[in-house]
Amino acid sequence: MGWLRDLFKGKDKIQPLSVNDENFKSEILESDLPVLLDVWTPTCVHCHKLVPIVMDLAKKYEGQLKVAEVNGAESPKTMSSLKVRGTPTVVYFHEGREVERIQGFRGSLYHRDFIDNELLPMVKEELEEGAV
């Protein structure tokens, strides 16, 4: 559990949250922040290529975005409920609902573009509507 954390231990203080079948609902669906969930499996080569990107996103968006990881091989209920068919899969959530799914490897620019131009503006717009 927490292979990103183990791989980068001591290199950075900001780590993705490890999620499993037991804490998925409380950490992802009930999160106050929007969430990036990295779904990976130990045998997935492209999942390993995604590690530095996920770590960078966790650092860059600290306090604005919850970055989490789930080992699909150890969390079959979560894999089933998300209907994940392959890894890597990155799922973005806002207010407990899925707003974007990226299956397969995408580079840092792709994820930053989605976060900056779609996800965070969605959050900001809802906050402004609530203040009116």
Foldseek 3Di string as FASTA:
>chain_A
DQPLCVVCPPVDPQGAAEDAQVCCCVPAQVDPAKEKEWEEEPVDPQSVVCSVLLVVCSVVCPPHYHYHYYHCVRHVVVCVVVVPDDPGKIFIGDNRDTDDIDHTDDDNVVVVCCCVPPVSVVVVVVVVVVVD
